[in-house]
Amino acid sequence: MTGEVLECDVLIVGGGPAGLSVAAALPDHISSIIVHQDAEIGQPFRTSGGCWLADAERLGIPESYYQIID
């Protein structure tokens, strides 16, 4: 731990589909969000079901981090 203190309006623990969906659905007046993940957020994007592509795109997750399956 570096001792650095971060402040935010909302802290989301987990950068998977659920955490990213919560971040994408927050009201516009929320100005600072921290999404904490043990590894790089959104990499890789894994789930046994589906993901919310619109949320991933809105949050700026690079296309190389997910795969669309027909």
PDB file of N, CA and C in Angstrom:
ATOM      1  N   MET A   1       0.845  -1.187   0.000  1.00  0.00           N
ATOM      2  CA  MET A   1       0.000   0.000   0.000  1.00  0.00           C
ATOM      3  C   MET A   1       0.884   1.241   0.000  1.00  0.00           C
ATOM      4  N   THR A   2       0.525   2.189  -0.820  1.00  0.00           N
ATOM      5  CA  THR A   2       1.338   3.393  -0.976  1.00  0.00           C
ATOM      6  C   THR A   2       0.993   4.480   0.023  1.00  0.00           C
ATOM      7  N   GLY A   3      -0.120   4.369   0.696  1.00  0.00           N
ATOM      8  CA  GLY A   3      -0.552   5.413   1.600  1.00  0.00           C
ATOM      9  C   GLY A   3      -1.341   6.507   0.912  1.00  0.00           C
ATOM     10  N   GLU A   4      -1.508   6.381  -0.393  1.00  0.00           N
ATOM     11  CA  GLU A   4      -2.268   7.363  -1.149  1.00  0.00           C
ATOM     12  C   GLU A   4      -3.750   7.253  -0.800  1.00  0.00           C
ATOM     13  N   VAL A   5      -4.402   8.387  -0.607  1.00  0.00           N
ATOM     14  CA  VAL A   5      -5.822   8.423  -0.293  1.00  0.00           C
ATOM     15  C   VAL A   5      -6.575   8.937  -1.514  1.00  0.00           C
ATOM     16  N   LEU A   6      -7.537   8.169  -1.963  1.00  0.00           N
ATOM     17  CA  LEU A   6      -8.371   8.574  -3.088  1.00  0.00           C
ATOM     18  C   LEU A   6      -9.775   8.840  -2.588  1.00  0.00           C
ATOM     19  N   GLU A   7     -10.391   9.871  -3.106  1.00  0.00           N
ATOM     20  CA  GLU A   7     -11.773  10.178  -2.757  1.00  0.00           C
ATOM     21  C   GLU A   7     -12.626  10.063  -4.006  1.00  0.00           C
ATOM     22  N   CYS A   8     -13.877   9.633  -3.830  1.00  0.00           N
ATOM     23  CA  CYS A   8     -14.787   9.496  -4.963  1.00  0.00           C
ATOM     24  C   CYS A   8     -16.231   9.566  -4.459  1.00  0.00           C
ATOM     25  N   ASP A   9     -17.137   9.770  -5.399  1.00  0.00           N
ATOM     26  CA  ASP A   9     -18.562   9.737  -5.061  1.00  0.00           C
ATOM     27  C   ASP A   9     -19.043   8.295  -4.896  1.00  0.00           C
ATOM     28  N   VAL A  10     -18.518   7.400  -5.754  1.00  0.00           N
ATOM     29  CA  VAL A  10     -18.948   5.996  -5.729  1.00  0.00           C
ATOM     30  C   VAL A  10     -17.731   5.095  -5.891  1.00  0.00           C
ATOM     31  N   LEU A  11     -17.622   4.081  -5.042  1.00  0.00           N
ATOM     32  CA  LEU A  11     -16.592   3.056  -5.152  1.00  0.00           C
ATOM     33  C   LEU A  11     -17.276   1.751  -5.523  1.00  0.00           C
ATOM     34  N   ILE A  12     -16.852   1.165  -6.629  1.00  0.00           N
ATOM     35  CA  ILE A  12     -17.396  -0.122  -7.070  1.00  0.00           C
ATOM     36  C   ILE A  12     -16.274  -1.137  -6.960  1.00  0.00           C
ATOM     37  N   VAL A  13     -16.532  -2.213  -6.236  1.00  0.00           N
ATOM     38  CA  VAL A  13     -15.535  -3.260  -6.066  1.00  0.00           C
ATOM     39  C   VAL A  13     -15.876  -4.377  -7.039  1.00  0.00           C
ATOM     40  N   GLY A  14     -15.044  -4.524  -8.050  1.00  0.00           N
ATOM     41  CA  GLY A  14     -15.234  -5.548  -9.077  1.00  0.00           C
ATOM     42  C   GLY A  14     -15.470  -4.904 -10.431  1.00  0.00           C
ATOM     43  N   GLY A  15     -14.585  -5.203 -11.368  1.00  0.00           N
ATOM     44  CA  GLY A  15     -14.680  -4.626 -12.704  1.00  0.00           C
ATOM     45  C   GLY A  15     -15.245  -5.578 -13.731  1.00  0.00           C
ATOM     46  N   GLY A  16     -16.016  -6.560 -13.279  1.00  0.00           N
ATOM     47  CA  GLY A  16     -16.660  -7.481 -14.214  1.00  0.00           C
ATOM     48  C   GLY A  16     -17.933  -6.875 -14.773  1.00  0.00           C
ATOM     49  N   PRO A  17     -18.730  -7.679 -15.468  1.00  0.00           N
ATOM     50  CA  PRO A  17     -19.960  -7.164 -16.080  1.00  0.00           C
ATOM     51  C   PRO A  17     -20.900  -6.474 -15.092  1.00  0.00           C
ATOM     52  N   ALA A  18     -21.047  -7.000 -13.895  1.00  0.00           N
ATOM     53  CA  ALA A  18     -21.959  -6.389 -12.929  1.00  0.00           C
ATOM     54  C   ALA A  18     -21.434  -5.027 -12.467  1.00  0.00           C
ATOM     55  N   GLY A  19     -20.159  -4.966 -12.104  1.00  0.00           N
ATOM     56  CA  GLY A  19     -19.586  -3.701 -11.647  1.00  0.00           C
ATOM     57  C   GLY A  19     -19.585  -2.637 -12.727  1.00  0.00           C
ATOM     58  N   LEU A  20     -19.253  -3.032 -13.962  1.00  0.00           N
ATOM     59  CA  LEU A  20     -19.241  -2.075 -15.062  1.00  0.00           C
ATOM     60  C   LEU A  20     -20.648  -1.622 -15.417  1.00  0.00           C
ATOM     61  N   SER A  21     -21.624  -2.522 -15.279  1.00  0.00           N
ATOM     62  CA  SER A  21     -23.019  -2.141 -15.532  1.00  0.00           C
ATOM     63  C   SER A  21     -23.494  -1.119 -14.509  1.00  0.00           C
ATOM     64  N   VAL A  22     -23.102  -1.315 -13.252  1.00  0.00           N
ATOM     65  CA  VAL A  22     -23.453  -0.345 -12.214  1.00  0.00           C
ATOM     66  C   VAL A  22     -22.827   1.008 -12.546  1.00  0.00           C
ATOM     67  N   ALA A  23     -21.554   1.015 -12.932  1.00  0.00           N
ATOM     68  CA  ALA A  23     -20.879   2.270 -13.266  1.00  0.00           C
ATOM     69  C   ALA A  23     -21.580   2.976 -14.424  1.00  0.00           C
ATOM     70  N   ALA A  24     -21.985   2.216 -15.422  1.00  0.00           N
ATOM     71  CA  ALA A  24     -22.641   2.806 -16.598  1.00  0.00           C
ATOM     72  C   ALA A  24     -24.028   3.342 -16.271  1.00  0.00           C
ATOM     73  N   ALA A  25     -24.679   2.786 -15.269  1.00  0.00           N
ATOM     74  CA  ALA A  25     -26.055   3.168 -14.951  1.00  0.00           C
ATOM     75  C   ALA A  25     -26.151   4.295 -13.921  1.00  0.00           C
ATOM     76  N   LEU A  26     -25.027   4.749 -13.405  1.00  0.00           N
ATOM     77  CA  LEU A  26     -25.068   5.815 -12.397  1.00  0.00           C
ATOM     78  C   LEU A  26     -25.590   7.112 -13.004  1.00  0.00           C
ATOM     79  N   PRO A  27     -26.275   7.919 -12.197  1.00  0.00           N
ATOM     80  CA  PRO A  27     -26.804   9.186 -12.700  1.00  0.00           C
ATOM     81  C   PRO A  27     -25.690  10.138 -13.149  1.00  0.00           C
ATOM     82  N   ASP A  28     -26.030  11.044 -14.036  1.00  0.00           N
ATOM     83  CA  ASP A  28     -25.062  11.977 -14.607  1.00  0.00           C
ATOM     84  C   ASP A  28     -24.415  12.901 -13.576  1.00  0.00           C
ATOM     85  N   HIS A  29     -25.088  13.163 -12.454  1.00  0.00           N
ATOM     86  CA  HIS A  29     -24.504  14.075 -11.462  1.00  0.00           C
ATOM     87  C   HIS A  29     -23.353  13.446 -10.674  1.00  0.00           C
ATOM     88  N   ILE A  30     -23.169  12.149 -10.794  1.00  0.00           N
ATOM     89  CA  ILE A  30     -22.032  11.491 -10.144  1.00  0.00           C
ATOM     90  C   ILE A  30     -20.793  11.821 -10.957  1.00  0.00           C
ATOM     91  N   SER A  31     -19.837  12.509 -10.343  1.00  0.00           N
ATOM     92  CA  SER A  31     -18.699  12.990 -11.122  1.00  0.00           C
ATOM     93  C   SER A  31     -17.428  12.169 -10.940  1.00  0.00           C
ATOM     94  N   SER A  32     -17.336  11.406  -9.856  1.00  0.00           N
ATOM     95  CA  SER A  32     -16.115  10.614  -9.674  1.00  0.00           C
ATOM     96  C   SER A  32     -16.470   9.197  -9.224  1.00  0.00           C
ATOM     97  N   ILE A  33     -15.965   8.242  -9.993  1.00  0.00           N
ATOM     98  CA  ILE A  33     -16.227   6.825  -9.746  1.00  0.00           C
ATOM     99  C   ILE A  33     -14.887   6.114  -9.741  1.00  0.00           C
ATOM    100  N   ILE A  34     -14.686   5.238  -8.776  1.00  0.00           N
ATOM    101  CA  ILE A  34     -13.535   4.348  -8.780  1.00  0.00           C
ATOM    102  C   ILE A  34     -14.067   2.929  -8.898  1.00  0.00           C
ATOM    103  N   VAL A  35     -13.560   2.200  -9.885  1.00  0.00           N
ATOM    104  CA  VAL A  35     -13.861   0.776 -10.030  1.00  0.00           C
ATOM    105  C   VAL A  35     -12.589   0.041  -9.655  1.00  0.00           C
ATOM    106  N   HIS A  36     -12.632  -0.696  -8.553  1.00  0.00           N
ATOM    107  CA  HIS A  36     -11.446  -1.418  -8.070  1.00  0.00           C
ATOM    108  C   HIS A  36     -11.495  -2.858  -8.546  1.00  0.00           C
ATOM    109  N   GLN A  37     -10.392  -3.302  -9.119  1.00  0.00           N
ATOM    110  CA  GLN A  37     -10.250  -4.683  -9.579  1.00  0.00           C
ATOM    111  C   GLN A  37      -8.835  -5.124  -9.237  1.00  0.00           C
ATOM    112  N   ASP A  38      -8.663  -6.394  -8.881  1.00  0.00           N
ATOM    113  CA  ASP A  38      -7.323  -6.886  -8.535  1.00  0.00           C
ATOM    114  C   ASP A  38      -6.356  -6.808  -9.708  1.00  0.00           C
ATOM    115  N   ALA A  39      -6.864  -7.017 -10.919  1.00  0.00           N
ATOM    116  CA  ALA A  39      -6.045  -6.907 -12.133  1.00  0.00           C
ATOM    117  C   ALA A  39      -6.611  -5.763 -12.960  1.00  0.00           C
ATOM    118  N   GLU A  40      -6.099  -5.558 -14.149  1.00  0.00           N
ATOM    119  CA  GLU A  40      -6.575  -4.464 -14.988  1.00  0.00           C
ATOM    120  C   GLU A  40      -8.075  -4.598 -15.246  1.00  0.00           C
ATOM    121  N   ILE A  41      -8.810  -3.512 -15.096  1.00  0.00           N
ATOM    122  CA  ILE A  41     -10.260  -3.523 -15.227  1.00  0.00           C
ATOM    123  C   ILE A  41     -10.671  -3.954 -16.621  1.00  0.00           C
ATOM    124  N   GLY A  42     -11.607  -4.899 -16.660  1.00  0.00           N
ATOM    125  CA  GLY A  42     -12.185  -5.322 -17.919  1.00  0.00           C
ATOM    126  C   GLY A  42     -11.315  -6.270 -18.724  1.00  0.00           C
ATOM    127  N   GLN A  43     -10.169  -6.687 -18.199  1.00  0.00           N
ATOM    128  CA  GLN A  43      -9.288  -7.547 -18.979  1.00  0.00           C
ATOM    129  C   GLN A  43      -9.023  -8.819 -18.225  1.00  0.00           C
ATOM    130  N   PRO A  44      -9.357  -9.971 -18.672  1.00  0.00           N
ATOM    131  CA  PRO A  44     -10.311 -10.181 -19.768  1.00  0.00           C
ATOM    132  C   PRO A  44     -11.734 -10.089 -19.263  1.00  0.00           C
ATOM    133  N   PHE A  45     -12.635  -9.912 -20.159  1.00  0.00           N
ATOM    134  CA  PHE A  45     -14.067  -9.796 -19.876  1.00  0.00           C
ATOM    135  C   PHE A  45     -14.615 -11.209 -19.936  1.00  0.00           C
ATOM    136  N   ARG A  46     -14.823 -11.882 -18.807  1.00  0.00           N
ATOM    137  CA  ARG A  46     -15.256 -13.283 -18.815  1.00  0.00           C
ATOM    138  C   ARG A  46     -16.586 -13.438 -18.102  1.00  0.00           C
ATOM    139  N   THR A  47     -17.445 -14.231 -18.681  1.00  0.00           N
ATOM    140  CA  THR A  47     -18.703 -14.559 -18.029  1.00  0.00           C
ATOM    141  C   THR A  47     -19.222 -15.844 -18.622  1.00  0.00           C
ATOM    142  N   SER A  48     -20.063 -16.517 -17.903  1.00  0.00           N
ATOM    143  CA  SER A  48     -20.644 -17.755 -18.419  1.00  0.00           C
ATOM    144  C   SER A  48     -21.920 -17.476 -19.196  1.00  0.00           C
ATOM    145  N   GLY A  49     -22.378 -16.258 -19.157  1.00  0.00           N
ATOM    146  CA  GLY A  49     -23.602 -15.904 -19.868  1.00  0.00           C
ATOM    147  C   GLY A  49     -23.306 -14.809 -20.867  1.00  0.00           C
ATOM    148  N   GLY A  50     -24.036 -13.725 -20.768  1.00  0.00           N
ATOM    149  CA  GLY A  50     -23.850 -12.625 -21.705  1.00  0.00           C
ATOM    150  C   GLY A  50     -23.252 -11.417 -21.022  1.00  0.00           C
ATOM    151  N   CYS A  51     -22.839 -10.483 -21.802  1.00  0.00           N
ATOM    152  CA  CYS A  51     -22.315  -9.218 -21.311  1.00  0.00           C
ATOM    153  C   CYS A  51     -23.151  -8.088 -21.876  1.00  0.00           C
ATOM    154  N   TRP A  52     -22.979  -6.949 -21.348  1.00  0.00           N
ATOM    155  CA  TRP A  52     -23.709  -5.778 -21.779  1.00  0.00           C
ATOM    156  C   TRP A  52     -22.800  -4.941 -22.656  1.00  0.00           C
ATOM    157  N   LEU A  53     -22.869  -5.177 -23.960  1.00  0.00           N
ATOM    158  CA  LEU A  53     -21.991  -4.512 -24.909  1.00  0.00           C
ATOM    159  C   LEU A  53     -22.127  -2.995 -24.848  1.00  0.00           C
ATOM    160  N   ALA A  54     -23.346  -2.505 -24.725  1.00  0.00           N
ATOM    161  CA  ALA A  54     -23.549  -1.054 -24.661  1.00  0.00           C
ATOM    162  C   ALA A  54     -22.814  -0.457 -23.462  1.00  0.00           C
ATOM    163  N   ASP A  55     -22.823  -1.150 -22.335  1.00  0.00           N
ATOM    164  CA  ASP A  55     -22.118  -0.659 -21.149  1.00  0.00           C
ATOM    165  C   ASP A  55     -20.609  -0.657 -21.372  1.00  0.00           C
ATOM    166  N   ALA A  56     -20.090  -1.726 -21.973  1.00  0.00           N
ATOM    167  CA  ALA A  56     -18.655  -1.806 -22.247  1.00  0.00           C
ATOM    168  C   ALA A  56     -18.231  -0.681 -23.178  1.00  0.00           C
ATOM    169  N   GLU A  57     -19.033  -0.416 -24.199  1.00  0.00           N
ATOM    170  CA  GLU A  57     -18.715   0.660 -25.139  1.00  0.00           C
ATOM    171  C   GLU A  57     -18.794   2.028 -24.459  1.00  0.00           C
ATOM    172  N   ARG A  58     -19.828   2.250 -23.651  1.00  0.00           N
ATOM    173  CA  ARG A  58     -19.992   3.538 -22.951  1.00  0.00           C
ATOM    174  C   ARG A  58     -18.830   3.810 -22.013  1.00  0.00           C
ATOM    175  N   LEU A  59     -18.314   2.761 -21.392  1.00  0.00           N
ATOM    176  CA  LEU A  59     -17.206   2.924 -20.453  1.00  0.00           C
ATOM    177  C   LEU A  59     -15.848   2.955 -21.149  1.00  0.00           C
ATOM    178  N   GLY A  60     -15.857   2.801 -22.473  1.00  0.00           N
ATOM    179  CA  GLY A  60     -14.609   2.893 -23.217  1.00  0.00           C
ATOM    180  C   GLY A  60     -13.717   1.673 -23.121  1.00  0.00           C
ATOM    181  N   ILE A  61     -14.308   0.505 -22.829  1.00  0.00           N
ATOM    182  CA  ILE A  61     -13.521  -0.731 -22.761  1.00  0.00           C
ATOM    183  C   ILE A  61     -13.065  -1.078 -24.184  1.00  0.00           C
ATOM    184  N   PRO A  62     -11.789  -1.253 -24.420  1.00  0.00           N
ATOM    185  CA  PRO A  62     -11.308  -1.561 -25.765  1.00  0.00           C
ATOM    186  C   PRO A  62     -11.921  -2.856 -26.307  1.00  0.00           C
ATOM    187  N   GLU A  63     -12.213  -2.867 -27.590  1.00  0.00           N
ATOM    188  CA  GLU A  63     -12.831  -4.041 -28.223  1.00  0.00           C
ATOM    189  C   GLU A  63     -11.956  -5.282 -28.080  1.00  0.00           C
ATOM    190  N   SER A  64     -10.663  -5.110 -27.925  1.00  0.00           N
ATOM    191  CA  SER A  64      -9.777  -6.268 -27.787  1.00  0.00           C
ATOM    192  C   SER A  64      -9.982  -7.010 -26.467  1.00  0.00           C
ATOM    193  N   TYR A  65     -10.749  -6.425 -25.531  1.00  0.00           N
ATOM    194  CA  TYR A  65     -10.989  -7.055 -24.240  1.00  0.00           C
ATOM    195  C   TYR A  65     -12.230  -7.945 -24.223  1.00  0.00           C
ATOM    196  N   TYR A  66     -12.993  -7.948 -25.305  1.00  0.00           N
ATOM    197  CA  TYR A  66     -14.182  -8.808 -25.333  1.00  0.00           C
ATOM    198  C   TYR A  66     -14.375  -9.378 -26.727  1.00  0.00           C
ATOM    199  N   GLN A  67     -15.191 -10.417 -26.793  1.00  0.00           N
ATOM    200  CA  GLN A  67     -15.477 -11.074 -28.061  1.00  0.00           C
ATOM    201  C   GLN A  67     -16.977 -11.239 -28.186  1.00  0.00           C
ATOM    202  N   ILE A  68     -17.532 -10.778 -29.292  1.00  0.00           N
ATOM    203  CA  ILE A  68     -18.953 -10.913 -29.543  1.00  0.00           C
ATOM    204  C   ILE A  68     -19.202 -12.296 -30.126  1.00  0.00           C
ATOM    205  N   ILE A  69     -20.133 -13.010 -29.539  1.00  0.00           N
ATOM    206  CA  ILE A  69     -20.469 -14.360 -29.984  1.00  0.00           C
ATOM    207  C   ILE A  69     -21.878 -14.354 -30.529  1.00  0.00           C
ATOM    208  N   ASP A  70     -22.050 -14.839 -31.740  1.00  0.00           N
ATOM    209  CA  ASP A  70     -23.390 -14.927 -32.338  1.00  0.00           C
ATOM    210  C   ASP A  70     -24.091 -16.185 -31.875  1.00  0.00           C
TER     211      ASP A  70
END
